[in-house]
N, C-alpha and C. Protein backbone atom coordinates (compact mmCIF):
# COMPACT_ATOMS: atom_id res chain seq x y z
N MET A 1 6.16 5.78 9.53
CA MET A 1 7.27 5.29 10.80
C MET A 1 6.49 4.05 11.16
N LYS A 2 7.21 3.34 11.37
CA LYS A 2 6.34 1.81 12.47
C LYS A 2 6.70 1.95 13.66
N PHE A 3 5.63 1.53 14.25
CA PHE A 3 6.01 0.92 15.77
C PHE A 3 5.08 0.14 16.21
N THR A 4 5.44 -0.38 17.42
CA THR A 4 5.05 -1.45 17.85
C THR A 4 4.57 -1.65 18.54
N ALA A 5 2.88 -1.76 18.76
CA ALA A 5 2.01 -2.57 19.48
C ALA A 5 1.68 -3.67 20.34
N LEU A 6 1.57 -3.82 21.33
CA LEU A 6 1.34 -5.20 22.32
C LEU A 6 -0.18 -4.89 23.40
N ILE A 7 -0.63 -5.30 22.49
CA ILE A 7 -2.48 -5.21 23.23
C ILE A 7 -2.53 -6.98 24.21
N THR A 8 -2.78 -6.58 25.36
CA THR A 8 -3.12 -7.70 26.48
C THR A 8 -4.91 -7.16 26.70
N LYS A 9 -5.15 -8.79 27.08
CA LYS A 9 -6.81 -8.77 28.07
C LYS A 9 -5.97 -8.54 29.75
N GLU A 10 -6.48 -7.36 30.07
CA GLU A 10 -7.00 -7.04 31.68
C GLU A 10 -8.27 -6.90 31.60
N LYS A 11 -8.83 -7.84 32.66
CA LYS A 11 -9.98 -8.37 32.75
C LYS A 11 -11.44 -8.06 31.55
N LYS A 12 -12.05 -6.85 31.72
CA LYS A 12 -13.03 -7.10 30.57
C LYS A 12 -12.65 -5.46 29.43
N TRP A 13 -11.33 -5.52 29.50
CA TRP A 13 -10.58 -4.38 28.50
C TRP A 13 -8.98 -4.97 27.73
N TYR A 14 -8.87 -4.58 26.55
CA TYR A 14 -8.24 -4.63 26.05
C TYR A 14 -7.23 -3.73 25.87
N VAL A 15 -5.48 -3.71 26.76
CA VAL A 15 -4.84 -2.65 26.89
C VAL A 15 -3.79 -2.38 25.41
N ALA A 16 -3.58 -1.42 25.17
CA ALA A 16 -2.74 -1.25 23.39
C ALA A 16 -1.76 -0.87 23.81
N ARG A 17 -0.68 -0.83 24.22
CA ARG A 17 0.62 -0.11 24.58
C ARG A 17 1.48 -0.05 23.34
N CYS A 18 2.52 1.13 22.93
CA CYS A 18 3.35 1.17 22.28
C CYS A 18 4.79 1.65 22.45
N VAL A 19 5.13 0.62 22.01
CA VAL A 19 6.30 0.24 23.43
C VAL A 19 7.62 1.33 22.63
N GLU A 20 7.53 2.05 21.77
CA GLU A 20 9.11 3.06 21.39
C GLU A 20 8.24 4.44 21.97
N LEU A 21 6.78 4.54 22.12
CA LEU A 21 6.90 5.82 22.99
C LEU A 21 6.01 5.88 24.49
N GLY A 22 5.88 4.83 24.97
CA GLY A 22 5.29 4.24 25.83
C GLY A 22 3.58 5.10 25.59
N VAL A 23 2.74 5.04 24.84
CA VAL A 23 2.22 5.46 25.18
C VAL A 23 0.69 4.28 24.94
N VAL A 24 -0.55 4.32 25.87
CA VAL A 24 -1.25 3.63 26.42
C VAL A 24 -2.13 3.95 26.11
N SER A 25 -3.76 2.61 25.68
CA SER A 25 -4.54 2.83 25.25
C SER A 25 -5.70 1.68 25.66
N GLN A 26 -6.90 1.81 25.75
CA GLN A 26 -7.53 0.56 25.77
C GLN A 26 -8.78 0.97 24.88
N GLY A 27 -9.49 -0.39 25.27
CA GLY A 27 -10.34 -0.17 24.27
C GLY A 27 -11.21 -1.77 24.71
N LYS A 28 -13.03 -1.45 24.49
CA LYS A 28 -13.55 -2.99 24.82
C LYS A 28 -13.14 -4.21 23.52
N THR A 29 -12.65 -4.47 22.41
CA THR A 29 -12.67 -5.23 21.38
C THR A 29 -11.06 -5.18 20.94
N ILE A 30 -10.52 -6.03 20.23
CA ILE A 30 -8.86 -5.50 20.06
C ILE A 30 -8.97 -4.53 19.15
N GLU A 31 -10.14 -4.49 18.44
CA GLU A 31 -10.29 -3.43 16.98
C GLU A 31 -10.10 -2.13 17.71
N GLU A 32 -10.87 -1.93 18.80
CA GLU A 32 -11.06 -0.65 19.13
C GLU A 32 -9.75 -0.06 19.86
N ALA A 33 -9.30 -0.85 20.65
CA ALA A 33 -7.58 -0.64 21.20
C ALA A 33 -6.53 -0.56 20.33
N GLN A 34 -6.80 -0.56 18.96
CA GLN A 34 -5.97 -0.20 18.36
C GLN A 34 -6.50 0.74 17.42
N VAL A 35 -7.71 1.17 17.35
CA VAL A 35 -8.13 2.64 16.76
C VAL A 35 -7.68 3.30 17.88
N ASN A 36 -7.87 3.14 19.23
CA ASN A 36 -7.95 4.69 20.33
C ASN A 36 -6.40 4.38 19.87
N LEU A 37 -5.40 3.51 20.51
CA LEU A 37 -3.87 3.27 20.23
C LEU A 37 -3.08 4.57 19.62
N LEU A 38 -3.66 4.49 17.95
CA LEU A 38 -3.72 4.77 16.89
C LEU A 38 -3.51 6.53 17.59
N GLU A 39 -4.89 6.78 17.64
CA GLU A 39 -5.09 8.24 17.79
C GLU A 39 -4.28 8.65 18.67
N ALA A 40 -4.11 7.97 20.19
CA ALA A 40 -3.20 8.24 21.01
C ALA A 40 -1.83 8.75 20.76
N VAL A 41 -1.23 7.81 19.72
CA VAL A 41 0.32 7.75 19.23
C VAL A 41 -0.20 9.40 18.69
N GLU A 42 -1.28 9.52 17.62
CA GLU A 42 -0.84 10.21 17.02
C GLU A 42 -0.89 11.96 17.18
N LEU A 43 -1.50 11.47 18.69
CA LEU A 43 -1.48 12.95 19.50
C LEU A 43 -0.24 13.05 20.09
N TYR A 44 0.24 12.18 20.66
CA TYR A 44 1.62 12.14 21.19
C TYR A 44 2.63 12.88 20.19
N ILE A 45 2.79 12.75 19.37
CA ILE A 45 3.44 12.95 18.24
C ILE A 45 3.28 14.47 17.26
N GLU A 46 1.92 14.62 17.39
CA GLU A 46 1.83 16.24 17.00
C GLU A 46 2.10 16.61 18.43
N SER A 47 1.63 16.28 19.70
CA SER A 47 2.11 17.34 20.63
C SER A 47 3.31 17.54 21.32
N PHE A 48 4.03 16.74 21.14
CA PHE A 48 6.17 16.41 21.47
C PHE A 48 6.71 15.91 20.36
N GLY A 49 6.07 15.27 19.21
CA GLY A 49 6.99 15.07 18.40
C GLY A 49 7.71 13.54 18.47
N ILE A 50 8.88 13.77 17.86
CA ILE A 50 9.77 12.24 18.14
C ILE A 50 10.73 12.50 17.73
N GLU A 51 11.86 12.06 18.59
CA GLU A 51 13.31 12.56 17.92
C GLU A 51 14.12 11.41 17.45
N ASP A 52 14.94 11.60 16.97
CA ASP A 52 15.04 10.71 15.87
C ASP A 52 15.31 9.50 16.40
N MET A 53 14.24 8.65 15.81
CA MET A 53 14.52 6.99 16.21
C MET A 53 14.90 6.06 15.32
């Protein structure tokens, strides 16, 4: 599956959001924010599943 990630810089942190699932994470670099978001999305799917998208 593919999801959309939006990454914005907010003060000292990069905030990453998965648009379709509403999952949010952050990191000190863009790469760290991406990795953290991927982990958060995986945990979300593992915990809640996803309805037919």
